[in-house]
N, C-alpha and C. Protein backbone atom coordinates (compact mmCIF):
# COMPACT_ATOMS: atom_id res chain seq x y z
N MET A 1 14.71 -2.82 10.87
CA MET A 1 13.64 -3.74 11.19
C MET A 1 12.30 -3.12 10.82
N TRP A 2 12.09 -1.82 11.16
CA TRP A 2 10.84 -1.15 10.82
C TRP A 2 10.68 -1.09 9.31
N ARG A 3 11.80 -0.87 8.61
CA ARG A 3 11.72 -0.77 7.15
C ARG A 3 11.20 -2.08 6.56
N LYS A 4 11.71 -3.21 7.06
CA LYS A 4 11.25 -4.51 6.56
C LYS A 4 9.77 -4.71 6.87
N ALA A 5 9.34 -4.34 8.07
CA ALA A 5 7.93 -4.50 8.43
C ALA A 5 7.05 -3.60 7.58
N THR A 6 7.51 -2.38 7.36
CA THR A 6 6.75 -1.46 6.54
C THR A 6 6.65 -1.95 5.11
N ILE A 7 7.78 -2.34 4.55
CA ILE A 7 7.79 -2.81 3.17
C ILE A 7 6.95 -4.07 3.05
N GLY A 8 7.04 -4.97 4.02
CA GLY A 8 6.22 -6.18 3.99
C GLY A 8 4.74 -5.86 4.05
N GLY A 9 4.37 -4.96 4.94
CA GLY A 9 2.97 -4.57 5.07
C GLY A 9 2.47 -3.85 3.83
N LEU A 10 3.30 -2.97 3.30
CA LEU A 10 2.91 -2.25 2.10
C LEU A 10 2.90 -3.15 0.88
N ALA A 11 3.79 -4.14 0.86
CA ALA A 11 3.77 -5.10 -0.24
C ALA A 11 2.45 -5.88 -0.22
N ALA A 12 2.03 -6.26 0.98
CA ALA A 12 0.74 -6.95 1.09
C ALA A 12 -0.39 -6.04 0.63
N LEU A 13 -0.32 -4.76 1.02
CA LEU A 13 -1.31 -3.80 0.58
C LEU A 13 -1.29 -3.68 -0.94
N ALA A 14 -0.11 -3.60 -1.52
CA ALA A 14 0.00 -3.48 -2.97
C ALA A 14 -0.54 -4.71 -3.67
N ILE A 15 -0.30 -5.88 -3.09
CA ILE A 15 -0.79 -7.11 -3.70
C ILE A 15 -2.30 -7.16 -3.65
N VAL A 16 -2.87 -6.82 -2.48
CA VAL A 16 -4.32 -6.86 -2.33
C VAL A 16 -4.99 -5.78 -3.16
N ALA A 17 -4.51 -4.55 -3.02
CA ALA A 17 -5.18 -3.42 -3.65
C ALA A 17 -4.73 -3.18 -5.08
N GLY A 18 -3.53 -3.63 -5.42
CA GLY A 18 -3.01 -3.27 -6.73
C GLY A 18 -2.82 -4.41 -7.68
N GLY A 19 -3.49 -5.51 -7.47
CA GLY A 19 -3.36 -6.63 -8.39
C GLY A 19 -3.60 -6.21 -9.82
N ALA A 20 -4.59 -5.41 -10.04
CA ALA A 20 -4.87 -4.93 -11.39
C ALA A 20 -3.81 -3.93 -11.83
N GLY A 21 -3.21 -3.25 -10.87
CA GLY A 21 -2.18 -2.26 -11.20
C GLY A 21 -0.98 -2.88 -11.87
N VAL A 22 -0.62 -4.10 -11.48
CA VAL A 22 0.50 -4.79 -12.11
C VAL A 22 0.19 -5.02 -13.58
N GLY A 23 -1.00 -5.48 -13.87
CA GLY A 23 -1.38 -5.71 -15.25
C GLY A 23 -1.41 -4.41 -16.05
N ILE A 24 -1.92 -3.37 -15.45
CA ILE A 24 -1.99 -2.07 -16.12
C ILE A 24 -0.58 -1.55 -16.36
N ALA A 25 0.27 -1.62 -15.33
CA ALA A 25 1.64 -1.14 -15.48
C ALA A 25 2.38 -1.95 -16.52
N HIS A 26 2.16 -3.25 -16.52
CA HIS A 26 2.84 -4.09 -17.50
C HIS A 26 2.36 -3.77 -18.90
N ALA A 27 1.07 -3.55 -19.04
CA ALA A 27 0.54 -3.22 -20.36
C ALA A 27 1.07 -1.89 -20.84
N ALA A 28 1.28 -0.98 -19.91
CA ALA A 28 1.74 0.35 -20.27
C ALA A 28 3.22 0.40 -20.58
N GLN A 29 4.03 -0.38 -19.81
CA GLN A 29 5.47 -0.27 -19.97
C GLN A 29 6.16 -1.44 -19.32
N THR A 30 7.19 -1.97 -19.96
CA THR A 30 8.07 -2.96 -19.35
C THR A 30 9.35 -2.26 -18.99
N SER A 31 10.32 -2.97 -18.46
CA SER A 31 11.54 -2.32 -17.99
C SER A 31 12.35 -1.71 -19.12
N SER A 32 12.22 -2.20 -20.34
CA SER A 32 13.03 -1.68 -21.43
C SER A 32 12.26 -0.74 -22.34
N GLY A 33 11.04 -0.42 -22.02
CA GLY A 33 10.29 0.53 -22.82
C GLY A 33 8.92 0.00 -23.14
N PRO A 34 8.12 0.81 -23.83
CA PRO A 34 6.76 0.39 -24.14
C PRO A 34 6.73 -0.73 -25.17
N THR A 35 5.73 -1.58 -25.04
CA THR A 35 5.53 -2.67 -25.98
C THR A 35 4.12 -2.55 -26.52
N VAL A 36 3.97 -2.65 -27.84
CA VAL A 36 2.66 -2.57 -28.46
C VAL A 36 2.46 -3.83 -29.26
N ALA A 37 1.31 -4.49 -29.08
CA ALA A 37 1.02 -5.70 -29.84
C ALA A 37 0.44 -5.29 -31.18
N THR A 38 0.96 -5.91 -32.25
CA THR A 38 0.43 -5.65 -33.59
C THR A 38 0.01 -6.97 -34.18
N ALA A 39 -0.86 -6.94 -35.15
CA ALA A 39 -1.33 -8.17 -35.77
C ALA A 39 -0.64 -8.36 -37.11
N ASP A 40 -0.16 -9.58 -37.37
CA ASP A 40 0.39 -9.88 -38.69
C ASP A 40 -0.75 -10.28 -39.60
N PRO A 41 -0.49 -10.46 -40.89
CA PRO A 41 -1.59 -10.77 -41.81
C PRO A 41 -2.36 -12.03 -41.46
N THR A 42 -1.77 -12.96 -40.70
CA THR A 42 -2.48 -14.18 -40.34
C THR A 42 -3.41 -13.97 -39.16
N GLY A 43 -3.36 -12.78 -38.55
CA GLY A 43 -4.25 -12.49 -37.43
C GLY A 43 -3.64 -12.84 -36.08
N THR A 44 -2.37 -13.23 -36.03
CA THR A 44 -1.70 -13.58 -34.79
C THR A 44 -1.06 -12.33 -34.19
N ALA A 45 -1.29 -12.08 -32.91
CA ALA A 45 -0.69 -10.92 -32.26
C ALA A 45 0.80 -11.14 -32.08
N THR A 46 1.58 -10.12 -32.42
CA THR A 46 3.03 -10.19 -32.30
C THR A 46 3.51 -8.96 -31.54
N PRO A 47 4.34 -9.15 -30.48
CA PRO A 47 4.81 -7.97 -29.77
C PRO A 47 5.79 -7.19 -30.65
N SER A 48 5.64 -5.86 -30.66
CA SER A 48 6.58 -5.05 -31.42
C SER A 48 7.85 -4.89 -30.61
N PRO A 49 8.94 -4.48 -31.26
CA PRO A 49 10.20 -4.32 -30.54
C PRO A 49 10.08 -3.20 -29.51
N THR A 50 10.87 -3.33 -28.45
CA THR A 50 10.93 -2.31 -27.41
C THR A 50 11.96 -1.28 -27.83
N ALA A 51 12.26 -0.33 -26.94
CA ALA A 51 13.22 0.72 -27.25
C ALA A 51 14.59 0.15 -27.58
N THR A 52 14.92 -1.04 -27.07
CA THR A 52 16.21 -1.64 -27.35
C THR A 52 16.18 -2.44 -28.64
N GLY A 53 15.02 -2.57 -29.27
CA GLY A 53 14.90 -3.31 -30.51
C GLY A 53 14.60 -4.78 -30.32
N LYS A 54 14.52 -5.23 -29.07
CA LYS A 54 14.24 -6.64 -28.79
C LYS A 54 12.79 -6.79 -28.38
N PRO A 55 12.11 -7.87 -28.81
CA PRO A 55 10.73 -8.06 -28.35
C PRO A 55 10.71 -8.34 -26.85
N ALA A 56 9.70 -7.83 -26.17
CA ALA A 56 9.57 -8.05 -24.73
C ALA A 56 9.05 -9.45 -24.47
N LYS A 57 9.52 -10.05 -23.39
CA LYS A 57 9.02 -11.35 -22.96
C LYS A 57 7.94 -11.11 -21.93
N ALA A 58 6.77 -11.68 -22.15
CA ALA A 58 5.61 -11.41 -21.27
C ALA A 58 5.86 -11.85 -19.84
N ALA A 59 6.36 -13.06 -19.62
CA ALA A 59 6.54 -13.56 -18.25
C ALA A 59 7.58 -12.74 -17.51
N LYS A 60 8.72 -12.49 -18.15
CA LYS A 60 9.77 -11.72 -17.50
C LYS A 60 9.31 -10.27 -17.30
N GLY A 61 8.64 -9.72 -18.29
CA GLY A 61 8.18 -8.34 -18.20
C GLY A 61 7.20 -8.14 -17.05
N GLY A 62 6.33 -9.13 -16.81
CA GLY A 62 5.38 -9.05 -15.71
C GLY A 62 6.09 -8.99 -14.37
N ARG A 63 7.13 -9.80 -14.23
CA ARG A 63 7.90 -9.78 -12.98
C ARG A 63 8.63 -8.46 -12.83
N VAL A 64 9.16 -7.95 -13.92
CA VAL A 64 9.87 -6.67 -13.88
C VAL A 64 8.91 -5.55 -13.49
N ALA A 65 7.72 -5.56 -14.09
CA ALA A 65 6.72 -4.54 -13.76
C ALA A 65 6.33 -4.62 -12.29
N ALA A 66 6.14 -5.84 -11.79
CA ALA A 66 5.80 -6.01 -10.37
C ALA A 66 6.91 -5.48 -9.48
N LYS A 67 8.16 -5.76 -9.84
CA LYS A 67 9.29 -5.26 -9.06
C LYS A 67 9.35 -3.74 -9.08
N GLN A 68 9.03 -3.15 -10.24
CA GLN A 68 9.02 -1.69 -10.34
C GLN A 68 7.96 -1.10 -9.42
N ILE A 69 6.79 -1.68 -9.41
CA ILE A 69 5.71 -1.18 -8.56
C ILE A 69 6.08 -1.35 -7.09
N LEU A 70 6.53 -2.54 -6.71
CA LEU A 70 6.87 -2.78 -5.30
C LEU A 70 8.08 -1.98 -4.88
N GLY A 71 8.99 -1.67 -5.81
CA GLY A 71 10.13 -0.83 -5.49
C GLY A 71 9.70 0.57 -5.10
N LYS A 72 8.62 1.05 -5.70
CA LYS A 72 8.11 2.37 -5.39
C LYS A 72 7.30 2.39 -4.09
N VAL A 73 6.90 1.22 -3.62
CA VAL A 73 6.12 1.14 -2.38
C VAL A 73 6.93 1.67 -1.20
N LYS A 74 8.24 1.55 -1.24
CA LYS A 74 9.05 2.06 -0.14
C LYS A 74 8.90 3.57 0.03
N ASP A 75 8.46 4.25 -1.03
CA ASP A 75 8.23 5.69 -0.99
C ASP A 75 6.76 6.03 -0.73
N PHE A 76 5.98 5.04 -0.32
CA PHE A 76 4.54 5.21 -0.07
C PHE A 76 4.29 6.35 0.91
N GLN A 77 3.30 7.19 0.61
CA GLN A 77 2.90 8.28 1.49
C GLN A 77 1.45 8.10 1.95
N HIS A 78 0.53 8.03 0.97
CA HIS A 78 -0.88 7.85 1.29
C HIS A 78 -1.60 7.35 0.05
N ALA A 79 -2.77 6.72 0.25
CA ALA A 79 -3.49 6.14 -0.88
C ALA A 79 -4.98 6.05 -0.59
N GLU A 80 -5.75 5.97 -1.66
CA GLU A 80 -7.18 5.70 -1.58
C GLU A 80 -7.50 4.71 -2.69
N TRP A 81 -8.31 3.69 -2.37
CA TRP A 81 -8.73 2.72 -3.36
C TRP A 81 -10.12 2.20 -3.00
N VAL A 82 -10.79 1.65 -3.99
CA VAL A 82 -12.17 1.19 -3.82
C VAL A 82 -12.23 -0.30 -4.13
N THR A 83 -12.94 -1.05 -3.27
CA THR A 83 -13.16 -2.48 -3.49
C THR A 83 -14.66 -2.75 -3.44
N LYS A 84 -15.02 -3.88 -3.98
CA LYS A 84 -16.42 -4.29 -3.91
C LYS A 84 -16.62 -5.02 -2.59
N GLY A 85 -17.57 -4.56 -1.82
CA GLY A 85 -17.85 -5.16 -0.53
C GLY A 85 -18.97 -6.19 -0.63
N ASP A 86 -19.71 -6.35 0.44
CA ASP A 86 -20.83 -7.28 0.45
C ASP A 86 -21.89 -6.85 -0.55
N GLY A 87 -22.46 -7.82 -1.23
CA GLY A 87 -23.51 -7.51 -2.20
C GLY A 87 -22.95 -6.68 -3.33
N SER A 88 -23.62 -5.59 -3.62
CA SER A 88 -23.17 -4.72 -4.70
C SER A 88 -22.61 -3.40 -4.18
N ALA A 89 -22.38 -3.30 -2.89
CA ALA A 89 -21.84 -2.08 -2.29
C ALA A 89 -20.34 -1.98 -2.52
N TYR A 90 -19.86 -0.76 -2.68
CA TYR A 90 -18.43 -0.52 -2.84
C TYR A 90 -17.91 0.13 -1.57
N VAL A 91 -16.65 -0.18 -1.23
CA VAL A 91 -16.03 0.33 -0.02
C VAL A 91 -14.79 1.13 -0.40
N THR A 92 -14.69 2.37 0.10
CA THR A 92 -13.52 3.21 -0.13
C THR A 92 -12.57 3.05 1.05
N HIS A 93 -11.31 2.74 0.73
CA HIS A 93 -10.28 2.53 1.75
C HIS A 93 -9.27 3.68 1.67
N GLU A 94 -8.66 4.01 2.79
CA GLU A 94 -7.63 5.03 2.87
C GLU A 94 -6.46 4.47 3.67
N ALA A 95 -5.25 4.90 3.35
CA ALA A 95 -4.07 4.52 4.12
C ALA A 95 -3.09 5.68 4.09
N ILE A 96 -2.32 5.83 5.16
CA ILE A 96 -1.31 6.88 5.24
C ILE A 96 -0.15 6.39 6.10
N LEU A 97 1.05 6.76 5.71
CA LEU A 97 2.26 6.48 6.47
C LEU A 97 2.85 7.81 6.88
N GLY A 98 3.08 8.00 8.16
CA GLY A 98 3.64 9.26 8.61
C GLY A 98 3.74 9.33 10.12
N GLN A 99 3.89 10.55 10.61
CA GLN A 99 4.04 10.76 12.04
C GLN A 99 2.71 11.16 12.66
N VAL A 100 2.49 10.65 13.86
CA VAL A 100 1.29 10.97 14.61
C VAL A 100 1.41 12.42 15.08
N THR A 101 0.42 13.24 14.73
CA THR A 101 0.40 14.62 15.20
C THR A 101 -0.58 14.82 16.35
N ALA A 102 -1.55 13.91 16.47
CA ALA A 102 -2.51 13.95 17.58
C ALA A 102 -3.09 12.55 17.74
N VAL A 103 -3.29 12.14 18.98
CA VAL A 103 -3.87 10.82 19.25
C VAL A 103 -4.68 10.89 20.53
N SER A 104 -5.83 10.22 20.51
CA SER A 104 -6.68 10.12 21.70
C SER A 104 -7.34 8.75 21.67
N ALA A 105 -8.18 8.49 22.63
CA ALA A 105 -8.88 7.20 22.68
C ALA A 105 -9.87 7.05 21.54
N THR A 106 -10.25 8.17 20.89
CA THR A 106 -11.27 8.11 19.85
C THR A 106 -10.79 8.52 18.46
N SER A 107 -9.55 9.02 18.33
CA SER A 107 -9.07 9.43 17.01
C SER A 107 -7.55 9.45 16.95
N ILE A 108 -7.05 9.42 15.71
CA ILE A 108 -5.62 9.55 15.47
C ILE A 108 -5.43 10.38 14.21
N THR A 109 -4.51 11.35 14.27
CA THR A 109 -4.19 12.20 13.12
C THR A 109 -2.75 11.92 12.74
N VAL A 110 -2.54 11.66 11.44
CA VAL A 110 -1.22 11.31 10.92
C VAL A 110 -0.89 12.26 9.78
N LYS A 111 0.37 12.74 9.76
CA LYS A 111 0.83 13.63 8.69
C LYS A 111 1.98 12.94 7.97
N SER A 112 1.83 12.78 6.64
CA SER A 112 2.88 12.15 5.85
C SER A 112 3.96 13.18 5.52
N THR A 113 5.08 12.71 5.00
CA THR A 113 6.19 13.62 4.71
C THR A 113 5.88 14.58 3.57
N ASP A 114 4.86 14.28 2.74
CA ASP A 114 4.49 15.21 1.68
C ASP A 114 3.51 16.28 2.17
N GLY A 115 3.18 16.26 3.46
CA GLY A 115 2.33 17.29 4.06
C GLY A 115 0.86 16.93 4.17
N THR A 116 0.45 15.79 3.61
CA THR A 116 -0.95 15.36 3.70
C THR A 116 -1.24 14.90 5.13
N SER A 117 -2.38 15.30 5.65
CA SER A 117 -2.79 14.91 6.99
C SER A 117 -4.15 14.25 6.94
N MET A 118 -4.32 13.16 7.67
CA MET A 118 -5.60 12.46 7.76
C MET A 118 -5.93 12.18 9.21
N THR A 119 -7.20 12.33 9.55
CA THR A 119 -7.68 12.01 10.89
C THR A 119 -8.65 10.84 10.77
N PHE A 120 -8.36 9.77 11.49
CA PHE A 120 -9.18 8.57 11.51
C PHE A 120 -9.86 8.46 12.87
N ALA A 121 -11.11 8.02 12.87
CA ALA A 121 -11.78 7.68 14.12
C ALA A 121 -11.21 6.34 14.59
N VAL A 122 -11.08 6.18 15.89
CA VAL A 122 -10.61 4.93 16.48
C VAL A 122 -11.79 4.31 17.22
N THR A 123 -12.07 3.04 16.92
CA THR A 123 -13.20 2.34 17.54
C THR A 123 -12.69 1.11 18.28
N ALA A 124 -13.60 0.39 18.89
CA ALA A 124 -13.24 -0.86 19.58
C ALA A 124 -12.75 -1.91 18.58
N ASP A 125 -13.12 -1.76 17.31
CA ASP A 125 -12.69 -2.71 16.27
C ASP A 125 -11.32 -2.39 15.69
N THR A 126 -10.75 -1.22 16.02
CA THR A 126 -9.43 -0.85 15.50
C THR A 126 -8.36 -1.74 16.13
N LYS A 127 -7.54 -2.33 15.30
CA LYS A 127 -6.45 -3.19 15.79
C LYS A 127 -5.14 -2.41 15.76
N ILE A 128 -4.42 -2.49 16.87
CA ILE A 128 -3.12 -1.82 17.00
C ILE A 128 -2.04 -2.90 16.92
N HIS A 129 -1.07 -2.67 16.05
CA HIS A 129 0.05 -3.60 15.91
C HIS A 129 1.32 -2.82 16.19
N GLN A 130 2.15 -3.32 17.10
CA GLN A 130 3.39 -2.63 17.42
C GLN A 130 4.45 -3.66 17.74
N ARG A 131 5.54 -3.60 17.02
CA ARG A 131 6.67 -4.49 17.30
C ARG A 131 7.35 -4.00 18.58
N GLN A 132 7.66 -4.93 19.45
CA GLN A 132 8.31 -4.58 20.71
C GLN A 132 9.78 -4.28 20.49
N PRO A 133 10.34 -3.37 21.27
CA PRO A 133 11.77 -3.07 21.15
C PRO A 133 12.62 -4.30 21.45
N LYS A 134 13.83 -4.35 20.90
CA LYS A 134 14.73 -5.48 21.15
C LYS A 134 14.95 -5.63 22.65
N GLY A 135 14.93 -6.87 23.10
CA GLY A 135 15.17 -7.16 24.50
C GLY A 135 13.92 -7.07 25.37
N SER A 136 12.82 -6.60 24.82
CA SER A 136 11.59 -6.47 25.58
C SER A 136 10.95 -7.84 25.77
N THR A 137 10.44 -8.09 26.96
CA THR A 137 9.76 -9.36 27.24
C THR A 137 8.26 -9.14 27.42
N THR A 138 7.78 -7.94 27.08
CA THR A 138 6.37 -7.61 27.20
C THR A 138 5.56 -8.43 26.20
N THR A 139 4.47 -9.01 26.66
CA THR A 139 3.63 -9.80 25.78
C THR A 139 2.20 -9.26 25.73
N THR A 140 2.00 -8.03 26.20
CA THR A 140 0.66 -7.45 26.19
C THR A 140 0.28 -6.98 24.78
N THR A 141 -0.99 -6.97 24.52
CA THR A 141 -1.49 -6.47 23.24
C THR A 141 -1.51 -4.96 23.30
N PRO A 142 -0.90 -4.27 22.32
CA PRO A 142 -0.89 -2.81 22.37
C PRO A 142 -2.29 -2.23 22.19
N THR A 143 -2.49 -1.05 22.73
CA THR A 143 -3.76 -0.32 22.61
C THR A 143 -3.47 1.06 22.04
N ILE A 144 -4.50 1.82 21.76
CA ILE A 144 -4.32 3.18 21.25
C ILE A 144 -3.55 4.04 22.26
N ALA A 145 -3.63 3.71 23.54
CA ALA A 145 -2.89 4.46 24.56
C ALA A 145 -1.38 4.28 24.41
N ASP A 146 -0.94 3.22 23.72
CA ASP A 146 0.48 2.98 23.51
C ASP A 146 1.04 3.78 22.34
N VAL A 147 0.19 4.36 21.52
CA VAL A 147 0.62 5.16 20.37
C VAL A 147 0.84 6.59 20.85
N LYS A 148 2.01 7.13 20.52
CA LYS A 148 2.40 8.46 21.01
C LYS A 148 2.56 9.46 19.87
N THR A 149 2.38 10.73 20.20
CA THR A 149 2.62 11.81 19.24
C THR A 149 4.08 11.76 18.81
N GLY A 150 4.32 11.93 17.51
CA GLY A 150 5.67 11.89 16.96
C GLY A 150 6.09 10.52 16.48
N GLN A 151 5.35 9.49 16.83
CA GLN A 151 5.67 8.13 16.44
C GLN A 151 5.30 7.91 14.98
N THR A 152 6.09 7.10 14.27
CA THR A 152 5.80 6.77 12.88
C THR A 152 4.82 5.60 12.84
N VAL A 153 3.74 5.78 12.08
CA VAL A 153 2.70 4.76 11.98
C VAL A 153 2.22 4.61 10.54
N LEU A 154 1.64 3.47 10.27
CA LEU A 154 0.90 3.21 9.04
C LEU A 154 -0.53 2.95 9.47
N VAL A 155 -1.46 3.77 9.00
CA VAL A 155 -2.86 3.63 9.38
C VAL A 155 -3.67 3.31 8.13
N GLY A 156 -4.52 2.30 8.24
CA GLY A 156 -5.41 1.94 7.14
C GLY A 156 -6.82 1.86 7.66
N GLY A 157 -7.76 2.31 6.85
CA GLY A 157 -9.15 2.27 7.29
C GLY A 157 -10.11 2.45 6.14
N GLU A 158 -11.36 2.66 6.50
CA GLU A 158 -12.44 2.79 5.52
C GLU A 158 -13.22 4.07 5.74
N LYS A 159 -13.78 4.58 4.65
CA LYS A 159 -14.74 5.69 4.73
C LYS A 159 -16.11 5.05 4.76
N SER A 160 -16.79 5.12 5.88
CA SER A 160 -18.09 4.43 5.96
C SER A 160 -19.05 5.10 6.94
N PRO A 161 -19.55 6.22 6.81
CA PRO A 161 -19.21 7.28 5.88
C PRO A 161 -18.02 8.10 6.35
N ASP A 162 -17.66 7.99 7.63
CA ASP A 162 -16.51 8.73 8.14
C ASP A 162 -15.26 7.86 8.08
N LEU A 163 -14.10 8.48 8.04
CA LEU A 163 -12.83 7.77 7.98
C LEU A 163 -12.57 7.08 9.32
N THR A 164 -12.57 5.75 9.32
CA THR A 164 -12.41 4.96 10.53
C THR A 164 -11.21 4.04 10.40
N ALA A 165 -10.30 4.05 11.37
CA ALA A 165 -9.10 3.22 11.34
C ALA A 165 -9.48 1.76 11.59
N LYS A 166 -8.98 0.88 10.75
CA LYS A 166 -9.15 -0.57 10.94
C LYS A 166 -7.88 -1.15 11.54
N ASN A 167 -6.73 -0.68 11.06
CA ASN A 167 -5.43 -1.17 11.54
C ASN A 167 -4.47 0.00 11.70
N ILE A 168 -3.71 -0.04 12.78
CA ILE A 168 -2.64 0.92 13.02
C ILE A 168 -1.39 0.11 13.29
N VAL A 169 -0.38 0.29 12.44
CA VAL A 169 0.90 -0.39 12.62
C VAL A 169 1.88 0.67 13.09
N ALA A 170 2.35 0.53 14.32
CA ALA A 170 3.20 1.55 14.94
C ALA A 170 4.62 1.04 15.08
N ARG A 171 5.57 1.95 14.83
CA ARG A 171 6.99 1.63 15.03
C ARG A 171 7.24 1.56 16.53
N ALA A 172 8.06 0.60 16.93
CA ALA A 172 8.39 0.47 18.36
C ALA A 172 9.08 1.73 18.85
N THR A 173 8.74 2.15 20.06
CA THR A 173 9.35 3.37 20.61
C THR A 173 10.54 3.05 21.47
């Protein structure tokens, strides 16, 4: 169940943050090998053969590239990306999936399996999401006090100027 929630959340992250990544990945490589567009004498672009000798199909290749990217999302550890915010300002975002090594009312530290550790400030605007264990009838909204050391979480936030958690998705304990 956690795997589905994680993959779903990370897929949404990949869609929001990596929309351009699909195009870049597709341009760089399809499932059967690299494709390079060449021009014939009439000036019309023609895809060159792939490693298998067959021309790549753009629509199918795009779906294949997207599946390749989303397939790797299950191995997500941590990321940083930049978006354009209000006006002409840019916003740097950070995310990490791992185990909580320290948590308090004002901060959370998470260490991913590759050894990277990030500490996020926790504010009143930080939203905590936690799926309830099977059979639980609790309907309360989780708080940072419900997040425990050793628990697996996905934390996303912004550097503005300090790293601040916007969302914490915690595995049910």
